[in-house]
Amino acid sequence: MGINLLLGMNIRDTKYFQTLKAFVVGHINLLLDKPIGEPEPFGVGKNIVQRFREEAGATECRTITEKEFSDWTDFQKYISSSDKCTGLIELATIEASNAIQRLM
């Protein structure tokens, strides 16, 4: 959310073709090793997701936890007591904070 607040745009105040261009550039940057243009949320976020995936082995909760949750309460109970989940949340927070600091 912080990265999007810094780099994102308010699509309510943006013209259609500007929004479309940002969407296309962002998705192209997901495919490239070196993003094109100015830093934007997709390109910056890609690095955070890659780092998360390296540490967790996946991005899907059921793959990371090797568990299927019966409902939201079951998920919340697990995530609040899991050292692994706490560590991954901390990793994502640190990576996002570092990305924001590099942009400023």
PDB file of N, CA and C in Angstrom:
ATOM      1  N   MET A   1       0.822  -1.187   0.000  1.00  0.00           N
ATOM      2  CA  MET A   1       0.000   0.000   0.000  1.00  0.00           C
ATOM      3  C   MET A   1       0.867   1.252   0.000  1.00  0.00           C
ATOM      4  N   GLY A   2       1.959   1.213   0.770  1.00  0.00           N
ATOM      5  CA  GLY A   2       2.840   2.367   0.819  1.00  0.00           C
ATOM      6  C   GLY A   2       3.450   2.693  -0.534  1.00  0.00           C
ATOM      7  N   ILE A   3       3.854   1.656  -1.247  1.00  0.00           N
ATOM      8  CA  ILE A   3       4.447   1.863  -2.581  1.00  0.00           C
ATOM      9  C   ILE A   3       3.410   2.456  -3.522  1.00  0.00           C
ATOM     10  N   ASN A   4       2.201   1.976  -3.444  1.00  0.00           N
ATOM     11  CA  ASN A   4       1.166   2.509  -4.317  1.00  0.00           C
ATOM     12  C   ASN A   4       0.808   3.943  -3.937  1.00  0.00           C
ATOM     13  N   LEU A   5       0.846   4.262  -2.653  1.00  0.00           N
ATOM     14  CA  LEU A   5       0.608   5.650  -2.255  1.00  0.00           C
ATOM     15  C   LEU A   5       1.685   6.569  -2.816  1.00  0.00           C
ATOM     16  N   LEU A   6       2.914   6.079  -2.861  1.00  0.00           N
ATOM     17  CA  LEU A   6       4.031   6.874  -3.361  1.00  0.00           C
ATOM     18  C   LEU A   6       4.049   6.946  -4.890  1.00  0.00           C
ATOM     19  N   LEU A   7       3.801   5.823  -5.548  1.00  0.00           N
ATOM     20  CA  LEU A   7       3.972   5.751  -7.003  1.00  0.00           C
ATOM     21  C   LEU A   7       2.678   5.596  -7.794  1.00  0.00           C
ATOM     22  N   GLY A   8       1.628   5.222  -7.120  1.00  0.00           N
ATOM     23  CA  GLY A   8       0.373   4.932  -7.813  1.00  0.00           C
ATOM     24  C   GLY A   8      -0.327   6.190  -8.295  1.00  0.00           C
ATOM     25  N   MET A   9      -1.492   5.986  -8.841  1.00  0.00           N
ATOM     26  CA  MET A   9      -2.263   7.110  -9.341  1.00  0.00           C
ATOM     27  C   MET A   9      -3.714   6.941  -8.947  1.00  0.00           C
ATOM     28  N   ASN A  10      -4.403   8.037  -8.855  1.00  0.00           N
ATOM     29  CA  ASN A  10      -5.820   8.012  -8.543  1.00  0.00           C
ATOM     30  C   ASN A  10      -6.575   7.904  -9.865  1.00  0.00           C
ATOM     31  N   ILE A  11      -7.071   6.720 -10.163  1.00  0.00           N
ATOM     32  CA  ILE A  11      -7.697   6.536 -11.484  1.00  0.00           C
ATOM     33  C   ILE A  11      -8.981   7.344 -11.641  1.00  0.00           C
ATOM     34  N   ARG A  12      -9.536   7.831 -10.549  1.00  0.00           N
ATOM     35  CA  ARG A  12     -10.715   8.701 -10.653  1.00  0.00           C
ATOM     36  C   ARG A  12     -10.349  10.044 -11.286  1.00  0.00           C
ATOM     37  N   ASP A  13      -9.079  10.443 -11.100  1.00  0.00           N
ATOM     38  CA  ASP A  13      -8.622  11.732 -11.625  1.00  0.00           C
ATOM     39  C   ASP A  13      -7.720  11.591 -12.845  1.00  0.00           C
ATOM     40  N   THR A  14      -7.624  10.392 -13.397  1.00  0.00           N
ATOM     41  CA  THR A  14      -6.714  10.137 -14.505  1.00  0.00           C
ATOM     42  C   THR A  14      -7.518   9.788 -15.752  1.00  0.00           C
ATOM     43  N   LYS A  15      -7.062  10.309 -16.865  1.00  0.00           N
ATOM     44  CA  LYS A  15      -7.742  10.036 -18.128  1.00  0.00           C
ATOM     45  C   LYS A  15      -7.583   8.569 -18.506  1.00  0.00           C
ATOM     46  N   TYR A  16      -8.521   8.085 -19.264  1.00  0.00           N
ATOM     47  CA  TYR A  16      -8.575   6.671 -19.643  1.00  0.00           C
ATOM     48  C   TYR A  16      -7.265   6.194 -20.259  1.00  0.00           C
ATOM     49  N   PHE A  17      -6.725   6.918 -21.224  1.00  0.00           N
ATOM     50  CA  PHE A  17      -5.522   6.463 -21.915  1.00  0.00           C
ATOM     51  C   PHE A  17      -4.284   6.533 -21.022  1.00  0.00           C
ATOM     52  N   GLN A  18      -4.253   7.457 -20.070  1.00  0.00           N
ATOM     53  CA  GLN A  18      -3.157   7.473 -19.098  1.00  0.00           C
ATOM     54  C   GLN A  18      -3.216   6.227 -18.207  1.00  0.00           C
ATOM     55  N   THR A  19      -4.415   5.865 -17.791  1.00  0.00           N
ATOM     56  CA  THR A  19      -4.598   4.658 -16.976  1.00  0.00           C
ATOM     57  C   THR A  19      -4.203   3.422 -17.767  1.00  0.00           C
ATOM     58  N   LEU A  20      -4.631   3.352 -19.005  1.00  0.00           N
ATOM     59  CA  LEU A  20      -4.310   2.213 -19.867  1.00  0.00           C
ATOM     60  C   LEU A  20      -2.803   2.113 -20.091  1.00  0.00           C
ATOM     61  N   LYS A  21      -2.154   3.233 -20.336  1.00  0.00           N
ATOM     62  CA  LYS A  21      -0.702   3.234 -20.539  1.00  0.00           C
ATOM     63  C   LYS A  21       0.016   2.743 -19.283  1.00  0.00           C
ATOM     64  N   ALA A  22      -0.381   3.233 -18.121  1.00  0.00           N
ATOM     65  CA  ALA A  22       0.250   2.814 -16.867  1.00  0.00           C
ATOM     66  C   ALA A  22       0.057   1.313 -16.642  1.00  0.00           C
ATOM     67  N   PHE A  23      -1.107   0.804 -16.964  1.00  0.00           N
ATOM     68  CA  PHE A  23      -1.397  -0.625 -16.823  1.00  0.00           C
ATOM     69  C   PHE A  23      -0.494  -1.448 -17.740  1.00  0.00           C
ATOM     70  N   VAL A  24      -0.369  -1.028 -18.992  1.00  0.00           N
ATOM     71  CA  VAL A  24       0.458  -1.753 -19.964  1.00  0.00           C
ATOM     72  C   VAL A  24       1.927  -1.689 -19.569  1.00  0.00           C
ATOM     73  N   VAL A  25       2.422  -0.504 -19.238  1.00  0.00           N
ATOM     74  CA  VAL A  25       3.827  -0.362 -18.831  1.00  0.00           C
ATOM     75  C   VAL A  25       4.101  -1.212 -17.599  1.00  0.00           C
ATOM     76  N   GLY A  26       3.217  -1.179 -16.625  1.00  0.00           N
ATOM     77  CA  GLY A  26       3.385  -1.979 -15.419  1.00  0.00           C
ATOM     78  C   GLY A  26       3.481  -3.455 -15.709  1.00  0.00           C
ATOM     79  N   HIS A  27       2.624  -3.942 -16.577  1.00  0.00           N
ATOM     80  CA  HIS A  27       2.646  -5.373 -16.907  1.00  0.00           C
ATOM     81  C   HIS A  27       3.863  -5.742 -17.751  1.00  0.00           C
ATOM     82  N   ILE A  28       4.308  -4.843 -18.599  1.00  0.00           N
ATOM     83  CA  ILE A  28       5.557  -5.091 -19.341  1.00  0.00           C
ATOM     84  C   ILE A  28       6.718  -5.167 -18.356  1.00  0.00           C
ATOM     85  N   ASN A  29       6.732  -4.282 -17.367  1.00  0.00           N
ATOM     86  CA  ASN A  29       7.807  -4.285 -16.376  1.00  0.00           C
ATOM     87  C   ASN A  29       7.835  -5.566 -15.550  1.00  0.00           C
ATOM     88  N   LEU A  30       6.719  -6.218 -15.424  1.00  0.00           N
ATOM     89  CA  LEU A  30       6.701  -7.514 -14.733  1.00  0.00           C
ATOM     90  C   LEU A  30       7.487  -8.558 -15.517  1.00  0.00           C
ATOM     91  N   LEU A  31       7.566  -8.390 -16.833  1.00  0.00           N
ATOM     92  CA  LEU A  31       8.238  -9.365 -17.690  1.00  0.00           C
ATOM     93  C   LEU A  31       9.716  -9.061 -17.920  1.00  0.00           C
ATOM     94  N   LEU A  32      10.119  -7.818 -17.690  1.00  0.00           N
ATOM     95  CA  LEU A  32      11.486  -7.407 -17.997  1.00  0.00           C
ATOM     96  C   LEU A  32      12.411  -7.515 -16.780  1.00  0.00           C
ATOM     97  N   ASP A  33      13.684  -7.782 -17.050  1.00  0.00           N
ATOM     98  CA  ASP A  33      14.673  -7.779 -15.976  1.00  0.00           C
ATOM     99  C   ASP A  33      14.961  -6.359 -15.507  1.00  0.00           C
ATOM    100  N   LYS A  34      14.995  -5.417 -16.440  1.00  0.00           N
ATOM    101  CA  LYS A  34      15.226  -4.015 -16.105  1.00  0.00           C
ATOM    102  C   LYS A  34      13.998  -3.218 -16.546  1.00  0.00           C
ATOM    103  N   PRO A  35      13.220  -2.718 -15.582  1.00  0.00           N
ATOM    104  CA  PRO A  35      11.984  -2.005 -15.927  1.00  0.00           C
ATOM    105  C   PRO A  35      12.237  -0.789 -16.806  1.00  0.00           C
ATOM    106  N   ILE A  36      11.261  -0.460 -17.638  1.00  0.00           N
ATOM    107  CA  ILE A  36      11.342   0.718 -18.492  1.00  0.00           C
ATOM    108  C   ILE A  36      10.686   1.906 -17.783  1.00  0.00           C
ATOM    109  N   GLY A  37      11.114   3.096 -18.136  1.00  0.00           N
ATOM    110  CA  GLY A  37      10.494   4.306 -17.613  1.00  0.00           C
ATOM    111  C   GLY A  37      10.806   4.563 -16.151  1.00  0.00           C
ATOM    112  N   GLU A  38      10.027   5.428 -15.582  1.00  0.00           N
ATOM    113  CA  GLU A  38      10.165   5.812 -14.177  1.00  0.00           C
ATOM    114  C   GLU A  38       9.693   4.659 -13.287  1.00  0.00           C
ATOM    115  N   PRO A  39      10.171   4.611 -12.045  1.00  0.00           N
ATOM    116  CA  PRO A  39       9.677   3.578 -11.129  1.00  0.00           C
ATOM    117  C   PRO A  39       8.156   3.635 -11.028  1.00  0.00           C
ATOM    118  N   GLU A  40       7.549   2.482 -11.028  1.00  0.00           N
ATOM    119  CA  GLU A  40       6.089   2.379 -10.919  1.00  0.00           C
ATOM    120  C   GLU A  40       5.760   1.152 -10.067  1.00  0.00           C
ATOM    121  N   PRO A  41       4.536   1.070  -9.520  1.00  0.00           N
ATOM    122  CA  PRO A  41       4.207   0.031  -8.542  1.00  0.00           C
ATOM    123  C   PRO A  41       4.489  -1.407  -8.988  1.00  0.00           C
ATOM    124  N   PHE A  42       4.183  -1.761 -10.222  1.00  0.00           N
ATOM    125  CA  PHE A  42       4.404  -3.138 -10.668  1.00  0.00           C
ATOM    126  C   PHE A  42       5.891  -3.497 -10.645  1.00  0.00           C
ATOM    127  N   GLY A  43       6.715  -2.627 -11.217  1.00  0.00           N
ATOM    128  CA  GLY A  43       8.151  -2.894 -11.285  1.00  0.00           C
ATOM    129  C   GLY A  43       8.796  -2.954  -9.919  1.00  0.00           C
ATOM    130  N   VAL A  44       8.416  -2.052  -9.028  1.00  0.00           N
ATOM    131  CA  VAL A  44       8.971  -2.045  -7.675  1.00  0.00           C
ATOM    132  C   VAL A  44       8.455  -3.248  -6.888  1.00  0.00           C
ATOM    133  N   GLY A  45       7.181  -3.522  -7.004  1.00  0.00           N
ATOM    134  CA  GLY A  45       6.583  -4.646  -6.284  1.00  0.00           C
ATOM    135  C   GLY A  45       7.116  -5.996  -6.735  1.00  0.00           C
ATOM    136  N   LYS A  46       7.488  -6.081  -7.996  1.00  0.00           N
ATOM    137  CA  LYS A  46       8.027  -7.340  -8.530  1.00  0.00           C
ATOM    138  C   LYS A  46       9.227  -7.813  -7.716  1.00  0.00           C
ATOM    139  N   ASN A  47      10.116  -6.902  -7.368  1.00  0.00           N
ATOM    140  CA  ASN A  47      11.299  -7.264  -6.596  1.00  0.00           C
ATOM    141  C   ASN A  47      10.936  -7.746  -5.196  1.00  0.00           C
ATOM    142  N   ILE A  48       9.927  -7.152  -4.608  1.00  0.00           N
ATOM    143  CA  ILE A  48       9.484  -7.562  -3.276  1.00  0.00           C
ATOM    144  C   ILE A  48       8.890  -8.964  -3.336  1.00  0.00           C
ATOM    145  N   VAL A  49       8.083  -9.217  -4.341  1.00  0.00           N
ATOM    146  CA  VAL A  49       7.480 -10.542  -4.496  1.00  0.00           C
ATOM    147  C   VAL A  49       8.548 -11.597  -4.768  1.00  0.00           C
ATOM    148  N   GLN A  50       9.547 -11.255  -5.580  1.00  0.00           N
ATOM    149  CA  GLN A  50      10.636 -12.204  -5.843  1.00  0.00           C
ATOM    150  C   GLN A  50      11.376 -12.557  -4.564  1.00  0.00           C
ATOM    151  N   ARG A  51      11.666 -11.567  -3.748  1.00  0.00           N
ATOM    152  CA  ARG A  51      12.374 -11.804  -2.484  1.00  0.00           C
ATOM    153  C   ARG A  51      11.520 -12.658  -1.544  1.00  0.00           C
ATOM    154  N   PHE A  52      10.224 -12.372  -1.496  1.00  0.00           N
ATOM    155  CA  PHE A  52       9.294 -13.150  -0.674  1.00  0.00           C
ATOM    156  C   PHE A  52       9.274 -14.602  -1.134  1.00  0.00           C
ATOM    157  N   ARG A  53       9.175 -14.789  -2.453  1.00  0.00           N
ATOM    158  CA  ARG A  53       9.125 -16.143  -3.016  1.00  0.00           C
ATOM    159  C   ARG A  53      10.410 -16.916  -2.722  1.00  0.00           C
ATOM    160  N   GLU A  54      11.552 -16.225  -2.786  1.00  0.00           N
ATOM    161  CA  GLU A  54      12.830 -16.873  -2.451  1.00  0.00           C
ATOM    162  C   GLU A  54      12.810 -17.408  -1.022  1.00  0.00           C
ATOM    163  N   GLU A  55      12.289 -16.614  -0.122  1.00  0.00           N
ATOM    164  CA  GLU A  55      12.274 -16.987   1.297  1.00  0.00           C
ATOM    165  C   GLU A  55      11.191 -18.023   1.609  1.00  0.00           C
ATOM    166  N   ALA A  56       9.990 -17.807   1.065  1.00  0.00           N
ATOM    167  CA  ALA A  56       8.846 -18.659   1.407  1.00  0.00           C
ATOM    168  C   ALA A  56       8.731 -19.887   0.512  1.00  0.00           C
ATOM    169  N   GLY A  57       9.286 -19.805  -0.674  1.00  0.00           N
ATOM    170  CA  GLY A  57       9.160 -20.909  -1.617  1.00  0.00           C
ATOM    171  C   GLY A  57       7.927 -20.821  -2.496  1.00  0.00           C
ATOM    172  N   ALA A  58       7.026 -19.892  -2.177  1.00  0.00           N
ATOM    173  CA  ALA A  58       5.782 -19.722  -2.940  1.00  0.00           C
ATOM    174  C   ALA A  58       5.146 -18.405  -2.509  1.00  0.00           C
ATOM    175  N   THR A  59       4.051 -18.064  -3.155  1.00  0.00           N
ATOM    176  CA  THR A  59       3.279 -16.902  -2.723  1.00  0.00           C
ATOM    177  C   THR A  59       1.883 -17.294  -2.246  1.00  0.00           C
ATOM    178  N   GLU A  60       1.477 -18.518  -2.497  1.00  0.00           N
ATOM    179  CA  GLU A  60       0.156 -18.974  -2.095  1.00  0.00           C
ATOM    180  C   GLU A  60       0.197 -19.507  -0.668  1.00  0.00           C
ATOM    181  N   CYS A  61      -0.724 -19.037   0.131  1.00  0.00           N
ATOM    182  CA  CYS A  61      -0.761 -19.386   1.546  1.00  0.00           C
ATOM    183  C   CYS A  61      -0.828 -20.903   1.760  1.00  0.00           C
ATOM    184  N   ARG A  62      -1.681 -21.590   1.041  1.00  0.00           N
ATOM    185  CA  ARG A  62      -1.818 -23.033   1.273  1.00  0.00           C
ATOM    186  C   ARG A  62      -0.544 -23.794   0.920  1.00  0.00           C
ATOM    187  N   THR A  63       0.234 -23.279  -0.028  1.00  0.00           N
ATOM    188  CA  THR A  63       1.508 -23.907  -0.372  1.00  0.00           C
ATOM    189  C   THR A  63       2.548 -23.634   0.712  1.00  0.00           C
ATOM    190  N   ILE A  64       2.583 -22.417   1.198  1.00  0.00           N
ATOM    191  CA  ILE A  64       3.543 -22.042   2.239  1.00  0.00           C
ATOM    192  C   ILE A  64       3.257 -22.793   3.537  1.00  0.00           C
ATOM    193  N   THR A  65       1.995 -22.854   3.916  1.00  0.00           N
ATOM    194  CA  THR A  65       1.621 -23.461   5.201  1.00  0.00           C
ATOM    195  C   THR A  65       1.365 -24.958   5.104  1.00  0.00           C
ATOM    196  N   GLU A  66       1.183 -25.437   3.881  1.00  0.00           N
ATOM    197  CA  GLU A  66       0.795 -26.838   3.654  1.00  0.00           C
ATOM    198  C   GLU A  66      -0.484 -27.173   4.410  1.00  0.00           C
ATOM    199  N   LYS A  67      -1.422 -26.228   4.386  1.00  0.00           N
ATOM    200  CA  LYS A  67      -2.680 -26.366   5.115  1.00  0.00           C
ATOM    201  C   LYS A  67      -3.794 -25.699   4.321  1.00  0.00           C
ATOM    202  N   GLU A  68      -4.972 -26.294   4.375  1.00  0.00           N
ATOM    203  CA  GLU A  68      -6.155 -25.652   3.816  1.00  0.00           C
ATOM    204  C   GLU A  68      -7.009 -25.182   4.975  1.00  0.00           C
ATOM    205  N   PHE A  69      -7.452 -23.969   4.911  1.00  0.00           N
ATOM    206  CA  PHE A  69      -8.202 -23.374   6.010  1.00  0.00           C
ATOM    207  C   PHE A  69      -9.695 -23.532   5.777  1.00  0.00           C
ATOM    208  N   SER A  70     -10.408 -23.837   6.838  1.00  0.00           N
ATOM    209  CA  SER A  70     -11.845 -24.075   6.712  1.00  0.00           C
ATOM    210  C   SER A  70     -12.621 -22.779   6.534  1.00  0.00           C
ATOM    211  N   ASP A  71     -12.114 -21.699   7.117  1.00  0.00           N
ATOM    212  CA  ASP A  71     -12.776 -20.402   6.989  1.00  0.00           C
ATOM    213  C   ASP A  71     -11.809 -19.294   7.418  1.00  0.00           C
ATOM    214  N   TRP A  72     -12.293 -18.065   7.387  1.00  0.00           N
ATOM    215  CA  TRP A  72     -11.466 -16.914   7.716  1.00  0.00           C
ATOM    216  C   TRP A  72     -10.961 -16.987   9.160  1.00  0.00           C
ATOM    217  N   THR A  73     -11.807 -17.418  10.071  1.00  0.00           N
ATOM    218  CA  THR A  73     -11.412 -17.524  11.475  1.00  0.00           C
ATOM    219  C   THR A  73     -10.284 -18.526  11.649  1.00  0.00           C
ATOM    220  N   ASP A  74     -10.377 -19.647  10.976  1.00  0.00           N
ATOM    221  CA  ASP A  74      -9.316 -20.665  11.027  1.00  0.00           C
ATOM    222  C   ASP A  74      -8.002 -20.092  10.493  1.00  0.00           C
ATOM    223  N   PHE A  75      -8.094 -19.366   9.398  1.00  0.00           N
ATOM    224  CA  PHE A  75      -6.908 -18.732   8.821  1.00  0.00           C
ATOM    225  C   PHE A  75      -6.303 -17.726   9.796  1.00  0.00           C
ATOM    226  N   GLN A  76      -7.128 -16.863  10.364  1.00  0.00           N
ATOM    227  CA  GLN A  76      -6.650 -15.846  11.295  1.00  0.00           C
ATOM    228  C   GLN A  76      -6.011 -16.466  12.536  1.00  0.00           C
ATOM    229  N   LYS A  77      -6.592 -17.530  13.028  1.00  0.00           N
ATOM    230  CA  LYS A  77      -6.038 -18.219  14.193  1.00  0.00           C
ATOM    231  C   LYS A  77      -4.644 -18.753  13.871  1.00  0.00           C
ATOM    232  N   TYR A  78      -4.512 -19.345  12.698  1.00  0.00           N
ATOM    233  CA  TYR A  78      -3.223 -19.896  12.292  1.00  0.00           C
ATOM    234  C   TYR A  78      -2.178 -18.802  12.097  1.00  0.00           C
ATOM    235  N   ILE A  79      -2.535 -17.794  11.333  1.00  0.00           N
ATOM    236  CA  ILE A  79      -1.560 -16.762  10.979  1.00  0.00           C
ATOM    237  C   ILE A  79      -1.079 -15.991  12.210  1.00  0.00           C
ATOM    238  N   SER A  80      -1.946 -15.806  13.184  1.00  0.00           N
ATOM    239  CA  SER A  80      -1.559 -15.051  14.378  1.00  0.00           C
ATOM    240  C   SER A  80      -0.659 -15.855  15.315  1.00  0.00           C
ATOM    241  N   SER A  81      -0.620 -17.172  15.136  1.00  0.00           N
ATOM    242  CA  SER A  81       0.209 -17.996  16.020  1.00  0.00           C
ATOM    243  C   SER A  81       1.411 -18.620  15.299  1.00  0.00           C
ATOM    244  N   SER A  82       1.567 -18.336  14.019  1.00  0.00           N
ATOM    245  CA  SER A  82       2.621 -18.957  13.223  1.00  0.00           C
ATOM    246  C   SER A  82       3.879 -18.094  13.184  1.00  0.00           C
ATOM    247  N   ASP A  83       4.980 -18.641  13.680  1.00  0.00           N
ATOM    248  CA  ASP A  83       6.261 -17.926  13.598  1.00  0.00           C
ATOM    249  C   ASP A  83       6.684 -17.728  12.147  1.00  0.00           C
ATOM    250  N   LYS A  84       6.392 -18.728  11.311  1.00  0.00           N
ATOM    251  CA  LYS A  84       6.758 -18.629   9.900  1.00  0.00           C
ATOM    252  C   LYS A  84       6.015 -17.474   9.227  1.00  0.00           C
ATOM    253  N   CYS A  85       4.713 -17.383   9.469  1.00  0.00           N
ATOM    254  CA  CYS A  85       3.920 -16.305   8.871  1.00  0.00           C
ATOM    255  C   CYS A  85       4.366 -14.938   9.402  1.00  0.00           C
ATOM    256  N   THR A  86       4.623 -14.862  10.691  1.00  0.00           N
ATOM    257  CA  THR A  86       5.099 -13.610  11.281  1.00  0.00           C
ATOM    258  C   THR A  86       6.405 -13.181  10.625  1.00  0.00           C
ATOM    259  N   GLY A  87       7.311 -14.121  10.420  1.00  0.00           N
ATOM    260  CA  GLY A  87       8.579 -13.821   9.773  1.00  0.00           C
ATOM    261  C   GLY A  87       8.404 -13.353   8.343  1.00  0.00           C
ATOM    262  N   LEU A  88       7.480 -13.979   7.623  1.00  0.00           N
ATOM    263  CA  LEU A  88       7.249 -13.587   6.228  1.00  0.00           C
ATOM    264  C   LEU A  88       6.585 -12.217   6.137  1.00  0.00           C
ATOM    265  N   ILE A  89       5.691 -11.924   7.049  1.00  0.00           N
ATOM    266  CA  ILE A  89       5.067 -10.597   7.088  1.00  0.00           C
ATOM    267  C   ILE A  89       6.136  -9.545   7.381  1.00  0.00           C
ATOM    268  N   GLU A  90       7.022  -9.856   8.316  1.00  0.00           N
ATOM    269  CA  GLU A  90       8.111  -8.938   8.641  1.00  0.00           C
ATOM    270  C   GLU A  90       9.034  -8.740   7.435  1.00  0.00           C
ATOM    271  N   LEU A  91       9.344  -9.824   6.738  1.00  0.00           N
ATOM    272  CA  LEU A  91      10.182  -9.727   5.540  1.00  0.00           C
ATOM    273  C   LEU A  91       9.543  -8.812   4.501  1.00  0.00           C
ATOM    274  N   ALA A  92       8.263  -9.007   4.226  1.00  0.00           N
ATOM    275  CA  ALA A  92       7.569  -8.187   3.229  1.00  0.00           C
ATOM    276  C   ALA A  92       7.542  -6.720   3.652  1.00  0.00           C
ATOM    277  N   THR A  93       7.337  -6.474   4.932  1.00  0.00           N
ATOM    278  CA  THR A  93       7.317  -5.106   5.446  1.00  0.00           C
ATOM    279  C   THR A  93       8.677  -4.443   5.287  1.00  0.00           C
ATOM    280  N   ILE A  94       9.727  -5.154   5.637  1.00  0.00           N
ATOM    281  CA  ILE A  94      11.091  -4.613   5.516  1.00  0.00           C
ATOM    282  C   ILE A  94      11.437  -4.357   4.052  1.00  0.00           C
ATOM    283  N   GLU A  95      11.119  -5.312   3.182  1.00  0.00           N
ATOM    284  CA  GLU A  95      11.421  -5.144   1.752  1.00  0.00           C
ATOM    285  C   GLU A  95      10.674  -3.942   1.170  1.00  0.00           C
ATOM    286  N   ALA A  96       9.403  -3.778   1.537  1.00  0.00           N
ATOM    287  CA  ALA A  96       8.631  -2.638   1.036  1.00  0.00           C
ATOM    288  C   ALA A  96       9.184  -1.327   1.586  1.00  0.00           C
ATOM    289  N   SER A  97       9.532  -1.312   2.870  1.00  0.00           N
ATOM    290  CA  SER A  97      10.109  -0.103   3.476  1.00  0.00           C
ATOM    291  C   SER A  97      11.428   0.269   2.809  1.00  0.00           C
ATOM    292  N   ASN A  98      12.264  -0.723   2.550  1.00  0.00           N
ATOM    293  CA  ASN A  98      13.541  -0.465   1.869  1.00  0.00           C
ATOM    294  C   ASN A  98      13.319   0.080   0.463  1.00  0.00           C
ATOM    295  N   ALA A  99      12.338  -0.475  -0.250  1.00  0.00           N
ATOM    296  CA  ALA A  99      12.037   0.005  -1.606  1.00  0.00           C
ATOM    297  C   ALA A  99      11.597   1.461  -1.565  1.00  0.00           C
ATOM    298  N   ILE A 100      10.760   1.804  -0.604  1.00  0.00           N
ATOM    299  CA  ILE A 100      10.281   3.180  -0.470  1.00  0.00           C
ATOM    300  C   ILE A 100      11.448   4.116  -0.157  1.00  0.00           C
ATOM    301  N   GLN A 101      12.319   3.698   0.742  1.00  0.00           N
ATOM    302  CA  GLN A 101      13.478   4.529   1.088  1.00  0.00           C
ATOM    303  C   GLN A 101      14.378   4.761  -0.125  1.00  0.00           C
ATOM    304  N   ARG A 102      14.560   3.736  -0.950  1.00  0.00           N
ATOM    305  CA  ARG A 102      15.396   3.896  -2.155  1.00  0.00           C
ATOM    306  C   ARG A 102      14.765   4.876  -3.145  1.00  0.00           C
ATOM    307  N   LEU A 103      13.462   4.966  -3.146  1.00  0.00           N
ATOM    308  CA  LEU A 103      12.768   5.846  -4.081  1.00  0.00           C
ATOM    309  C   LEU A 103      12.775   7.305  -3.628  1.00  0.00           C
ATOM    310  N   MET A 104      12.993   7.526  -2.381  1.00  0.00           N
ATOM    311  CA  MET A 104      12.901   8.898  -1.847  1.00  0.00           C
ATOM    312  C   MET A 104      14.212   9.636  -1.937  1.00  0.00           C
TER     313      MET A 104
END
